[in-house]
Amino acid sequence: RMGWFRQAPGKDREFVAAVSWDGTTTYYADSVKGRFTISR
């Protein structure tokens, strides 16, 4: 699996999005859902 995380200064690292090993399933944090698209 591969994913994206992000960290702002002074903030904890947070999950952004992830994609399954075959690229068929994706997951998104609520804060980016509908705006970001993850792919392999």
PDB file of all heavy atoms in Angstrom:
ATOM      1  N   ARG A   1       0.844  -1.176   0.000  1.00  0.00           N
ATOM      2  CA  ARG A   1       0.000   0.000   0.000  1.00  0.00           C
ATOM      3  C   ARG A   1       0.886   1.235   0.000  1.00  0.00           C
ATOM      4  O   ARG A   1       1.994   1.212   0.524  1.00  0.00           O
ATOM      5  CB  ARG A   1      -0.889   0.026   1.247  1.00  0.00           C
ATOM      6  CG  ARG A   1      -1.880  -1.100   1.314  1.00  0.00           C
ATOM      7  CD  ARG A   1      -2.580  -1.099   2.654  1.00  0.00           C
ATOM      8  NE  ARG A   1      -3.539  -2.197   2.741  1.00  0.00           N
ATOM      9  CZ  ARG A   1      -4.149  -2.550   3.855  1.00  0.00           C
ATOM     10  NH1 ARG A   1      -3.917  -1.885   4.986  1.00  0.00           N
ATOM     11  NH2 ARG A   1      -5.009  -3.563   3.839  1.00  0.00           N
ATOM     12  N   MET A   2       0.385   2.293  -0.567  1.00  0.00           N
ATOM     13  CA  MET A   2       1.108   3.545  -0.543  1.00  0.00           C
ATOM     14  C   MET A   2       0.164   4.651  -0.109  1.00  0.00           C
ATOM     15  O   MET A   2      -1.029   4.610  -0.392  1.00  0.00           O
ATOM     16  CB  MET A   2       1.724   3.863  -1.904  1.00  0.00           C
ATOM     17  CG  MET A   2       2.709   2.795  -2.366  1.00  0.00           C
ATOM     18  SD  MET A   2       3.596   3.204  -3.885  1.00  0.00           S
ATOM     19  CE  MET A   2       4.806   4.378  -3.242  1.00  0.00           C
ATOM     20  N   GLY A   3       0.718   5.617   0.588  1.00  0.00           N
ATOM     21  CA  GLY A   3      -0.116   6.678   1.103  1.00  0.00           C
ATOM     22  C   GLY A   3       0.598   8.009   1.162  1.00  0.00           C
ATOM     23  O   GLY A   3       1.819   8.093   0.988  1.00  0.00           O
ATOM     24  N   TRP A   4      -0.194   9.044   1.394  1.00  0.00           N
ATOM     25  CA  TRP A   4       0.316  10.393   1.582  1.00  0.00           C
ATOM     26  C   TRP A   4      -0.056  10.888   2.966  1.00  0.00           C
ATOM     27  O   TRP A   4      -1.200  10.718   3.422  1.00  0.00           O
ATOM     28  CB  TRP A   4      -0.248  11.357   0.540  1.00  0.00           C
ATOM     29  CG  TRP A   4       0.266  11.142  -0.848  1.00  0.00           C
ATOM     30  CD1 TRP A   4      -0.320  10.435  -1.841  1.00  0.00           C
ATOM     31  CD2 TRP A   4       1.487  11.654  -1.389  1.00  0.00           C
ATOM     32  NE1 TRP A   4       0.450  10.465  -2.976  1.00  0.00           N
ATOM     33  CE2 TRP A   4       1.572  11.211  -2.726  1.00  0.00           C
ATOM     34  CE3 TRP A   4       2.512  12.444  -0.878  1.00  0.00           C
ATOM     35  CZ2 TRP A   4       2.639  11.532  -3.554  1.00  0.00           C
ATOM     36  CZ3 TRP A   4       3.585  12.762  -1.699  1.00  0.00           C
ATOM     37  CH2 TRP A   4       3.632  12.309  -3.017  1.00  0.00           C
ATOM     38  N   PHE A   5       0.900  11.499   3.622  1.00  0.00           N
ATOM     39  CA  PHE A   5       0.700  12.154   4.903  1.00  0.00           C
ATOM     40  C   PHE A   5       1.211  13.579   4.789  1.00  0.00           C
ATOM     41  O   PHE A   5       1.991  13.898   3.893  1.00  0.00           O
ATOM     42  CB  PHE A   5       1.441  11.416   6.019  1.00  0.00           C
ATOM     43  CG  PHE A   5       0.901  10.048   6.319  1.00  0.00           C
ATOM     44  CD1 PHE A   5       1.165   8.982   5.473  1.00  0.00           C
ATOM     45  CD2 PHE A   5       0.127   9.830   7.447  1.00  0.00           C
ATOM     46  CE1 PHE A   5       0.669   7.720   5.747  1.00  0.00           C
ATOM     47  CE2 PHE A   5      -0.374   8.570   7.736  1.00  0.00           C
ATOM     48  CZ  PHE A   5      -0.104   7.514   6.883  1.00  0.00           C
ATOM     49  N   ARG A   6       0.785  14.422   5.698  1.00  0.00           N
ATOM     50  CA  ARG A   6       1.281  15.787   5.688  1.00  0.00           C
ATOM     51  C   ARG A   6       1.475  16.282   7.115  1.00  0.00           C
ATOM     52  O   ARG A   6       0.840  15.815   8.052  1.00  0.00           O
ATOM     53  CB  ARG A   6       0.338  16.727   4.926  1.00  0.00           C
ATOM     54  CG  ARG A   6      -1.022  16.923   5.576  1.00  0.00           C
ATOM     55  CD  ARG A   6      -1.925  17.729   4.660  1.00  0.00           C
ATOM     56  NE  ARG A   6      -3.221  17.996   5.266  1.00  0.00           N
ATOM     57  CZ  ARG A   6      -4.226  18.581   4.642  1.00  0.00           C
ATOM     58  NH1 ARG A   6      -4.092  18.977   3.373  1.00  0.00           N
ATOM     59  NH2 ARG A   6      -5.382  18.796   5.276  1.00  0.00           N
ATOM     60  N   GLN A   7       2.367  17.239   7.255  1.00  0.00           N
ATOM     61  CA  GLN A   7       2.653  17.805   8.562  1.00  0.00           C
ATOM     62  C   GLN A   7       2.911  19.300   8.425  1.00  0.00           C
ATOM     63  O   GLN A   7       3.817  19.718   7.709  1.00  0.00           O
ATOM     64  CB  GLN A   7       3.853  17.121   9.213  1.00  0.00           C
ATOM     65  CG  GLN A   7       4.101  17.558  10.642  1.00  0.00           C
ATOM     66  CD  GLN A   7       5.114  16.673  11.338  1.00  0.00           C
ATOM     67  OE1 GLN A   7       5.934  16.022  10.696  1.00  0.00           O
ATOM     68  NE2 GLN A   7       5.055  16.639  12.652  1.00  0.00           N
ATOM     69  N   ALA A   8       2.106  20.076   9.115  1.00  0.00           N
ATOM     70  CA  ALA A   8       2.297  21.509   9.172  1.00  0.00           C
ATOM     71  C   ALA A   8       3.165  21.849  10.376  1.00  0.00           C
ATOM     72  O   ALA A   8       3.220  21.090  11.344  1.00  0.00           O
ATOM     73  CB  ALA A   8       0.944  22.215   9.267  1.00  0.00           C
ATOM     74  N   PRO A   9       3.856  22.994  10.346  1.00  0.00           N
ATOM     75  CA  PRO A   9       4.708  23.372  11.473  1.00  0.00           C
ATOM     76  C   PRO A   9       3.948  23.396  12.793  1.00  0.00           C
ATOM     77  O   PRO A   9       2.863  23.973  12.883  1.00  0.00           O
ATOM     78  CB  PRO A   9       5.191  24.774  11.093  1.00  0.00           C
ATOM     79  CG  PRO A   9       5.147  24.785   9.601  1.00  0.00           C
ATOM     80  CD  PRO A   9       3.935  23.966   9.249  1.00  0.00           C
ATOM     81  N   GLY A  10       4.508  22.743  13.803  1.00  0.00           N
ATOM     82  CA  GLY A  10       3.887  22.703  15.115  1.00  0.00           C
ATOM     83  C   GLY A  10       2.695  21.785  15.231  1.00  0.00           C
ATOM     84  O   GLY A  10       2.047  21.752  16.285  1.00  0.00           O
ATOM     85  N   LYS A  11       2.397  21.046  14.179  1.00  0.00           N
ATOM     86  CA  LYS A  11       1.248  20.157  14.179  1.00  0.00           C
ATOM     87  C   LYS A  11       1.685  18.710  14.024  1.00  0.00           C
ATOM     88  O   LYS A  11       2.790  18.424  13.561  1.00  0.00           O
ATOM     89  CB  LYS A  11       0.286  20.513  13.048  1.00  0.00           C
ATOM     90  CG  LYS A  11      -0.208  21.948  13.067  1.00  0.00           C
ATOM     91  CD  LYS A  11      -1.054  22.225  14.287  1.00  0.00           C
ATOM     92  CE  LYS A  11      -1.592  23.640  14.262  1.00  0.00           C
ATOM     93  NZ  LYS A  11      -2.397  23.942  15.468  1.00  0.00           N
ATOM     94  N   ASP A  12       0.815  17.804  14.422  1.00  0.00           N
ATOM     95  CA  ASP A  12       1.089  16.385  14.247  1.00  0.00           C
ATOM     96  C   ASP A  12       0.945  15.997  12.790  1.00  0.00           C
ATOM     97  O   ASP A  12       0.188  16.612  12.028  1.00  0.00           O
ATOM     98  CB  ASP A  12       0.125  15.542  15.081  1.00  0.00           C
ATOM     99  CG  ASP A  12       0.339  15.679  16.565  1.00  0.00           C
ATOM    100  OD1 ASP A  12       1.481  15.970  16.977  1.00  0.00           O
ATOM    101  OD2 ASP A  12      -0.628  15.485  17.323  1.00  0.00           O
ATOM    102  N   ARG A  13       1.683  14.975  12.410  1.00  0.00           N
ATOM    103  CA  ARG A  13       1.529  14.424  11.081  1.00  0.00           C
ATOM    104  C   ARG A  13       0.138  13.822  10.939  1.00  0.00           C
ATOM    105  O   ARG A  13      -0.352  13.162  11.855  1.00  0.00           O
ATOM    106  CB  ARG A  13       2.596  13.352  10.838  1.00  0.00           C
ATOM    107  CG  ARG A  13       2.581  12.746   9.449  1.00  0.00           C
ATOM    108  CD  ARG A  13       3.604  11.622   9.361  1.00  0.00           C
ATOM    109  NE  ARG A  13       3.264  10.529  10.254  1.00  0.00           N
ATOM    110  CZ  ARG A  13       4.077   9.524  10.551  1.00  0.00           C
ATOM    111  NH1 ARG A  13       5.298   9.484  10.035  1.00  0.00           N
ATOM    112  NH2 ARG A  13       3.676   8.568  11.372  1.00  0.00           N
ATOM    113  N   GLU A  14      -0.497  14.037   9.811  1.00  0.00           N
ATOM    114  CA  GLU A  14      -1.839  13.522   9.605  1.00  0.00           C
ATOM    115  C   GLU A  14      -1.953  12.772   8.289  1.00  0.00           C
ATOM    116  O   GLU A  14      -1.276  13.076   7.306  1.00  0.00           O
ATOM    117  CB  GLU A  14      -2.876  14.654   9.654  1.00  0.00           C
ATOM    118  CG  GLU A  14      -2.761  15.669   8.533  1.00  0.00           C
ATOM    119  CD  GLU A  14      -3.879  16.693   8.553  1.00  0.00           C
ATOM    120  OE1 GLU A  14      -4.800  16.577   9.373  1.00  0.00           O
ATOM    121  OE2 GLU A  14      -3.832  17.631   7.726  1.00  0.00           O
ATOM    122  N   PHE A  15      -2.833  11.816   8.298  1.00  0.00           N
ATOM    123  CA  PHE A  15      -3.115  11.029   7.116  1.00  0.00           C
ATOM    124  C   PHE A  15      -3.865  11.865   6.099  1.00  0.00           C
ATOM    125  O   PHE A  15      -4.770  12.626   6.447  1.00  0.00           O
ATOM    126  CB  PHE A  15      -3.946   9.807   7.509  1.00  0.00           C
ATOM    127  CG  PHE A  15      -4.524   9.058   6.346  1.00  0.00           C
ATOM    128  CD1 PHE A  15      -3.728   8.235   5.570  1.00  0.00           C
ATOM    129  CD2 PHE A  15      -5.869   9.169   6.034  1.00  0.00           C
ATOM    130  CE1 PHE A  15      -4.263   7.534   4.498  1.00  0.00           C
ATOM    131  CE2 PHE A  15      -6.413   8.478   4.976  1.00  0.00           C
ATOM    132  CZ  PHE A  15      -5.600   7.653   4.202  1.00  0.00           C
ATOM    133  N   VAL A  16      -3.499  11.707   4.833  1.00  0.00           N
ATOM    134  CA  VAL A  16      -4.154  12.425   3.748  1.00  0.00           C
ATOM    135  C   VAL A  16      -4.916  11.474   2.839  1.00  0.00           C
ATOM    136  O   VAL A  16      -6.118  11.631   2.617  1.00  0.00           O
ATOM    137  CB  VAL A  16      -3.145  13.235   2.913  1.00  0.00           C
ATOM    138  CG1 VAL A  16      -3.831  13.896   1.722  1.00  0.00           C
ATOM    139  CG2 VAL A  16      -2.457  14.277   3.786  1.00  0.00           C
ATOM    140  N   ALA A  17      -4.224  10.482   2.305  1.00  0.00           N
ATOM    141  CA  ALA A  17      -4.845   9.557   1.361  1.00  0.00           C
ATOM    142  C   ALA A  17      -3.994   8.311   1.237  1.00  0.00           C
ATOM    143  O   ALA A  17      -2.803   8.319   1.537  1.00  0.00           O
ATOM    144  CB  ALA A  17      -5.025  10.210  -0.010  1.00  0.00           C
ATOM    145  N   ALA A  18      -4.602   7.227   0.782  1.00  0.00           N
ATOM    146  CA  ALA A  18      -3.879   5.978   0.562  1.00  0.00           C
ATOM    147  C   ALA A  18      -4.498   5.231  -0.603  1.00  0.00           C
ATOM    148  O   ALA A  18      -5.669   5.443  -0.944  1.00  0.00           O
ATOM    149  CB  ALA A  18      -3.892   5.104   1.815  1.00  0.00           C
ATOM    150  N   VAL A  19      -3.715   4.359  -1.202  1.00  0.00           N
ATOM    151  CA  VAL A  19      -4.174   3.557  -2.325  1.00  0.00           C
ATOM    152  C   VAL A  19      -3.703   2.123  -2.132  1.00  0.00           C
ATOM    153  O   VAL A  19      -2.595   1.881  -1.643  1.00  0.00           O
ATOM    154  CB  VAL A  19      -3.683   4.152  -3.665  1.00  0.00           C
ATOM    155  CG1 VAL A  19      -2.157   4.200  -3.715  1.00  0.00           C
ATOM    156  CG2 VAL A  19      -4.238   3.376  -4.845  1.00  0.00           C
ATOM    157  N   SER A  20      -4.546   1.166  -2.497  1.00  0.00           N
ATOM    158  CA  SER A  20      -4.219  -0.247  -2.332  1.00  0.00           C
ATOM    159  C   SER A  20      -3.089  -0.662  -3.267  1.00  0.00           C
ATOM    160  O   SER A  20      -2.713   0.058  -4.191  1.00  0.00           O
ATOM    161  CB  SER A  20      -5.459  -1.100  -2.590  1.00  0.00           C
ATOM    162  OG  SER A  20      -5.918  -0.945  -3.928  1.00  0.00           O
ATOM    163  N   TRP A  21      -2.574  -1.860  -3.024  1.00  0.00           N
ATOM    164  CA  TRP A  21      -1.418  -2.338  -3.783  1.00  0.00           C
ATOM    165  C   TRP A  21      -1.694  -2.420  -5.276  1.00  0.00           C
ATOM    166  O   TRP A  21      -0.775  -2.230  -6.085  1.00  0.00           O
ATOM    167  CB  TRP A  21      -0.979  -3.711  -3.262  1.00  0.00           C
ATOM    168  CG  TRP A  21      -1.956  -4.808  -3.589  1.00  0.00           C
ATOM    169  CD1 TRP A  21      -3.029  -5.197  -2.849  1.00  0.00           C
ATOM    170  CD2 TRP A  21      -1.934  -5.646  -4.746  1.00  0.00           C
ATOM    171  NE1 TRP A  21      -3.683  -6.230  -3.475  1.00  0.00           N
ATOM    172  CE2 TRP A  21      -3.031  -6.525  -4.644  1.00  0.00           C
ATOM    173  CE3 TRP A  21      -1.095  -5.739  -5.863  1.00  0.00           C
ATOM    174  CZ2 TRP A  21      -3.315  -7.485  -5.619  1.00  0.00           C
ATOM    175  CZ3 TRP A  21      -1.374  -6.693  -6.831  1.00  0.00           C
ATOM    176  CH2 TRP A  21      -2.471  -7.550  -6.702  1.00  0.00           C
ATOM    177  N   ASP A  22      -2.935  -2.703  -5.640  1.00  0.00           N
ATOM    178  CA  ASP A  22      -3.274  -2.836  -7.050  1.00  0.00           C
ATOM    179  C   ASP A  22      -3.903  -1.570  -7.629  1.00  0.00           C
ATOM    180  O   ASP A  22      -4.295  -1.558  -8.803  1.00  0.00           O
ATOM    181  CB  ASP A  22      -4.193  -4.029  -7.278  1.00  0.00           C
ATOM    182  CG  ASP A  22      -5.501  -3.944  -6.505  1.00  0.00           C
ATOM    183  OD1 ASP A  22      -5.705  -2.947  -5.787  1.00  0.00           O
ATOM    184  OD2 ASP A  22      -6.313  -4.871  -6.614  1.00  0.00           O
ATOM    185  N   GLY A  23      -4.026  -0.538  -6.818  1.00  0.00           N
ATOM    186  CA  GLY A  23      -4.550   0.723  -7.294  1.00  0.00           C
ATOM    187  C   GLY A  23      -6.047   0.799  -7.438  1.00  0.00           C
ATOM    188  O   GLY A  23      -6.567   1.802  -7.947  1.00  0.00           O
ATOM    189  N   THR A  24      -6.766  -0.230  -6.975  1.00  0.00           N
ATOM    190  CA  THR A  24      -8.205  -0.278  -7.183  1.00  0.00           C
ATOM    191  C   THR A  24      -9.013   0.326  -6.050  1.00  0.00           C
ATOM    192  O   THR A  24     -10.206   0.592  -6.221  1.00  0.00           O
ATOM    193  CB  THR A  24      -8.679  -1.717  -7.404  1.00  0.00           C
ATOM    194  OG1 THR A  24      -8.386  -2.512  -6.248  1.00  0.00           O
ATOM    195  CG2 THR A  24      -7.981  -2.332  -8.620  1.00  0.00           C
ATOM    196  N   THR A  25      -8.399   0.514  -4.892  1.00  0.00           N
ATOM    197  CA  THR A  25      -9.106   1.037  -3.731  1.00  0.00           C
ATOM    198  C   THR A  25      -8.371   2.244  -3.194  1.00  0.00           C
ATOM    199  O   THR A  25      -7.148   2.214  -3.046  1.00  0.00           O
ATOM    200  CB  THR A  25      -9.228  -0.031  -2.635  1.00  0.00           C
ATOM    201  OG1 THR A  25      -9.840  -1.207  -3.173  1.00  0.00           O
ATOM    202  CG2 THR A  25     -10.081   0.479  -1.480  1.00  0.00           C
ATOM    203  N   THR A  26      -9.110   3.290  -2.899  1.00  0.00           N
ATOM    204  CA  THR A  26      -8.515   4.508  -2.365  1.00  0.00           C
ATOM    205  C   THR A  26      -9.215   4.931  -1.085  1.00  0.00           C
ATOM    206  O   THR A  26     -10.386   4.621  -0.865  1.00  0.00           O
ATOM    207  CB  THR A  26      -8.579   5.650  -3.387  1.00  0.00           C
ATOM    208  OG1 THR A  26      -9.945   5.878  -3.762  1.00  0.00           O
ATOM    209  CG2 THR A  26      -7.768   5.313  -4.631  1.00  0.00           C
ATOM    210  N   TYR A  27      -8.487   5.669  -0.258  1.00  0.00           N
ATOM    211  CA  TYR A  27      -8.996   6.163   1.014  1.00  0.00           C
ATOM    212  C   TYR A  27      -8.536   7.596   1.191  1.00  0.00           C
ATOM    213  O   TYR A  27      -7.412   7.952   0.835  1.00  0.00           O
ATOM    214  CB  TYR A  27      -8.487   5.301   2.174  1.00  0.00           C
ATOM    215  CG  TYR A  27      -8.870   3.844   2.038  1.00  0.00           C
ATOM    216  CD1 TYR A  27      -8.093   2.977   1.280  1.00  0.00           C
ATOM    217  CD2 TYR A  27     -10.019   3.355   2.653  1.00  0.00           C
ATOM    218  CE1 TYR A  27      -8.451   1.646   1.137  1.00  0.00           C
ATOM    219  CE2 TYR A  27     -10.380   2.024   2.514  1.00  0.00           C
ATOM    220  CZ  TYR A  27      -9.596   1.175   1.756  1.00  0.00           C
ATOM    221  OH  TYR A  27      -9.950  -0.142   1.618  1.00  0.00           O
ATOM    222  N   TYR A  28      -9.405   8.412   1.766  1.00  0.00           N
ATOM    223  CA  TYR A  28      -9.104   9.822   1.927  1.00  0.00           C
ATOM    224  C   TYR A  28      -9.497  10.322   3.301  1.00  0.00           C
ATOM    225  O   TYR A  28     -10.499   9.895   3.875  1.00  0.00           O
ATOM    226  CB  TYR A  28      -9.855  10.661   0.884  1.00  0.00           C
ATOM    227  CG  TYR A  28      -9.483  10.343  -0.538  1.00  0.00           C
ATOM    228  CD1 TYR A  28     -10.210   9.422  -1.272  1.00  0.00           C
ATOM    229  CD2 TYR A  28      -8.406  10.972  -1.142  1.00  0.00           C
ATOM    230  CE1 TYR A  28      -9.875   9.126  -2.586  1.00  0.00           C
ATOM    231  CE2 TYR A  28      -8.062  10.689  -2.447  1.00  0.00           C
ATOM    232  CZ  TYR A  28      -8.800   9.760  -3.167  1.00  0.00           C
ATOM    233  OH  TYR A  28      -8.459   9.477  -4.463  1.00  0.00           O
ATOM    234  N   ALA A  29      -8.701  11.239   3.814  1.00  0.00           N
ATOM    235  CA  ALA A  29      -9.114  11.974   4.994  1.00  0.00           C
ATOM    236  C   ALA A  29     -10.295  12.860   4.632  1.00  0.00           C
ATOM    237  O   ALA A  29     -10.411  13.343   3.500  1.00  0.00           O
ATOM    238  CB  ALA A  29      -7.961  12.815   5.524  1.00  0.00           C
ATOM    239  N   ASP A  30     -11.173  13.084   5.598  1.00  0.00           N
ATOM    240  CA  ASP A  30     -12.348  13.905   5.336  1.00  0.00           C
ATOM    241  C   ASP A  30     -11.977  15.309   4.860  1.00  0.00           C
ATOM    242  O   ASP A  30     -12.699  15.916   4.065  1.00  0.00           O
ATOM    243  CB  ASP A  30     -13.218  14.005   6.587  1.00  0.00           C
ATOM    244  CG  ASP A  30     -13.918  12.704   6.914  1.00  0.00           C
ATOM    245  OD1 ASP A  30     -14.041  11.842   6.019  1.00  0.00           O
ATOM    246  OD2 ASP A  30     -14.355  12.546   8.072  1.00  0.00           O
ATOM    247  N   SER A  31     -10.855  15.816   5.322  1.00  0.00           N
ATOM    248  CA  SER A  31     -10.454  17.171   4.990  1.00  0.00           C
ATOM    249  C   SER A  31     -10.088  17.363   3.526  1.00  0.00           C
ATOM    250  O   SER A  31     -10.088  18.496   3.030  1.00  0.00           O
ATOM    251  CB  SER A  31      -9.268  17.599   5.871  1.00  0.00           C
ATOM    252  OG  SER A  31      -8.163  16.736   5.679  1.00  0.00           O
ATOM    253  N   VAL A  32      -9.779  16.272   2.823  1.00  0.00           N
ATOM    254  CA  VAL A  32      -9.368  16.386   1.430  1.00  0.00           C
ATOM    255  C   VAL A  32     -10.296  15.651   0.477  1.00  0.00           C
ATOM    256  O   VAL A  32     -10.147  15.776  -0.749  1.00  0.00           O
ATOM    257  CB  VAL A  32      -7.924  15.888   1.215  1.00  0.00           C
ATOM    258  CG1 VAL A  32      -6.969  16.614   2.150  1.00  0.00           C
ATOM    259  CG2 VAL A  32      -7.827  14.374   1.418  1.00  0.00           C
ATOM    260  N   LYS A  33     -11.226  14.902   1.002  1.00  0.00           N
ATOM    261  CA  LYS A  33     -12.134  14.123   0.167  1.00  0.00           C
ATOM    262  C   LYS A  33     -12.901  15.036  -0.783  1.00  0.00           C
ATOM    263  O   LYS A  33     -13.454  16.059  -0.377  1.00  0.00           O
ATOM    264  CB  LYS A  33     -13.099  13.336   1.044  1.00  0.00           C
ATOM    265  CG  LYS A  33     -13.909  12.280   0.306  1.00  0.00           C
ATOM    266  CD  LYS A  33     -14.756  11.471   1.273  1.00  0.00           C
ATOM    267  CE  LYS A  33     -15.545  10.386   0.562  1.00  0.00           C
ATOM    268  NZ  LYS A  33     -14.649   9.378  -0.044  1.00  0.00           N
ATOM    269  N   GLY A  34     -12.922  14.656  -2.042  1.00  0.00           N
ATOM    270  CA  GLY A  34     -13.583  15.454  -3.059  1.00  0.00           C
ATOM    271  C   GLY A  34     -12.686  16.471  -3.719  1.00  0.00           C
ATOM    272  O   GLY A  34     -13.051  17.022  -4.770  1.00  0.00           O
ATOM    273  N   ARG A  35     -11.526  16.738  -3.134  1.00  0.00           N
ATOM    274  CA  ARG A  35     -10.579  17.692  -3.701  1.00  0.00           C
ATOM    275  C   ARG A  35      -9.295  17.018  -4.181  1.00  0.00           C
ATOM    276  O   ARG A  35      -8.704  17.465  -5.165  1.00  0.00           O
ATOM    277  CB  ARG A  35     -10.213  18.768  -2.678  1.00  0.00           C
ATOM    278  CG  ARG A  35     -11.402  19.600  -2.217  1.00  0.00           C
ATOM    279  CD  ARG A  35     -10.948  20.784  -1.363  1.00  0.00           C
ATOM    280  NE  ARG A  35     -10.283  20.354  -0.136  1.00  0.00           N
ATOM    281  CZ  ARG A  35      -9.024  20.657   0.175  1.00  0.00           C
ATOM    282  NH1 ARG A  35      -8.301  21.409  -0.635  1.00  0.00           N
ATOM    283  NH2 ARG A  35      -8.503  20.241   1.326  1.00  0.00           N
ATOM    284  N   PHE A  36      -8.859  15.990  -3.469  1.00  0.00           N
ATOM    285  CA  PHE A  36      -7.621  15.289  -3.803  1.00  0.00           C
ATOM    286  C   PHE A  36      -7.939  13.928  -4.409  1.00  0.00           C
ATOM    287  O   PHE A  36      -8.934  13.292  -4.047  1.00  0.00           O
ATOM    288  CB  PHE A  36      -6.759  15.068  -2.555  1.00  0.00           C
ATOM    289  CG  PHE A  36      -6.167  16.315  -1.951  1.00  0.00           C
ATOM    290  CD1 PHE A  36      -6.551  17.576  -2.367  1.00  0.00           C
ATOM    291  CD2 PHE A  36      -5.222  16.201  -0.946  1.00  0.00           C
ATOM    292  CE1 PHE A  36      -6.007  18.720  -1.800  1.00  0.00           C
ATOM    293  CE2 PHE A  36      -4.665  17.333  -0.371  1.00  0.00           C
ATOM    294  CZ  PHE A  36      -5.055  18.588  -0.794  1.00  0.00           C
ATOM    295  N   THR A  37      -7.072  13.482  -5.302  1.00  0.00           N
ATOM    296  CA  THR A  37      -7.210  12.174  -5.911  1.00  0.00           C
ATOM    297  C   THR A  37      -5.871  11.451  -5.879  1.00  0.00           C
ATOM    298  O   THR A  37      -4.874  11.978  -6.373  1.00  0.00           O
ATOM    299  CB  THR A  37      -7.697  12.274  -7.364  1.00  0.00           C
ATOM    300  OG1 THR A  37      -8.951  12.968  -7.408  1.00  0.00           O
ATOM    301  CG2 THR A  37      -7.885  10.883  -7.961  1.00  0.00           C
ATOM    302  N   ILE A  38      -5.864  10.254  -5.294  1.00  0.00           N
ATOM    303  CA  ILE A  38      -4.653   9.456  -5.224  1.00  0.00           C
ATOM    304  C   ILE A  38      -4.723   8.354  -6.278  1.00  0.00           C
ATOM    305  O   ILE A  38      -5.791   7.810  -6.551  1.00  0.00           O
ATOM    306  CB  ILE A  38      -4.456   8.862  -3.811  1.00  0.00           C
ATOM    307  CG1 ILE A  38      -3.078   8.218  -3.675  1.00  0.00           C
ATOM    308  CG2 ILE A  38      -5.560   7.876  -3.466  1.00  0.00           C
ATOM    309  CD1 ILE A  38      -2.745   7.805  -2.247  1.00  0.00           C
ATOM    310  N   SER A  39      -3.590   8.023  -6.861  1.00  0.00           N
ATOM    311  CA  SER A  39      -3.553   6.981  -7.880  1.00  0.00           C
ATOM    312  C   SER A  39      -2.162   6.376  -7.940  1.00  0.00           C
ATOM    313  O   SER A  39      -1.198   6.922  -7.407  1.00  0.00           O
ATOM    314  CB  SER A  39      -3.960   7.530  -9.247  1.00  0.00           C
ATOM    315  OG  SER A  39      -3.062   8.541  -9.675  1.00  0.00           O
ATOM    316  N   ARG A  40      -2.071   5.234  -8.600  1.00  0.00           N
ATOM    317  CA  ARG A  40      -0.789   4.570  -8.804  1.00  0.00           C
ATOM    318  C   ARG A  40      -0.508   4.457 -10.289  1.00  0.00           C
ATOM    319  O   ARG A  40      -1.426   4.316 -11.098  1.00  0.00           O
ATOM    320  CB  ARG A  40      -0.781   3.184  -8.163  1.00  0.00           C
ATOM    321  CG  ARG A  40      -1.005   3.205  -6.673  1.00  0.00           C
ATOM    322  CD  ARG A  40      -0.748   1.859  -6.049  1.00  0.00           C
ATOM    323  NE  ARG A  40       0.676   1.552  -6.006  1.00  0.00           N
ATOM    324  CZ  ARG A  40       1.225   0.677  -5.161  1.00  0.00           C
ATOM    325  NH1 ARG A  40       0.450   0.024  -4.298  1.00  0.00           N
ATOM    326  NH2 ARG A  40       2.528   0.445  -5.207  1.00  0.00           N
TER     327      ARG A  40
END
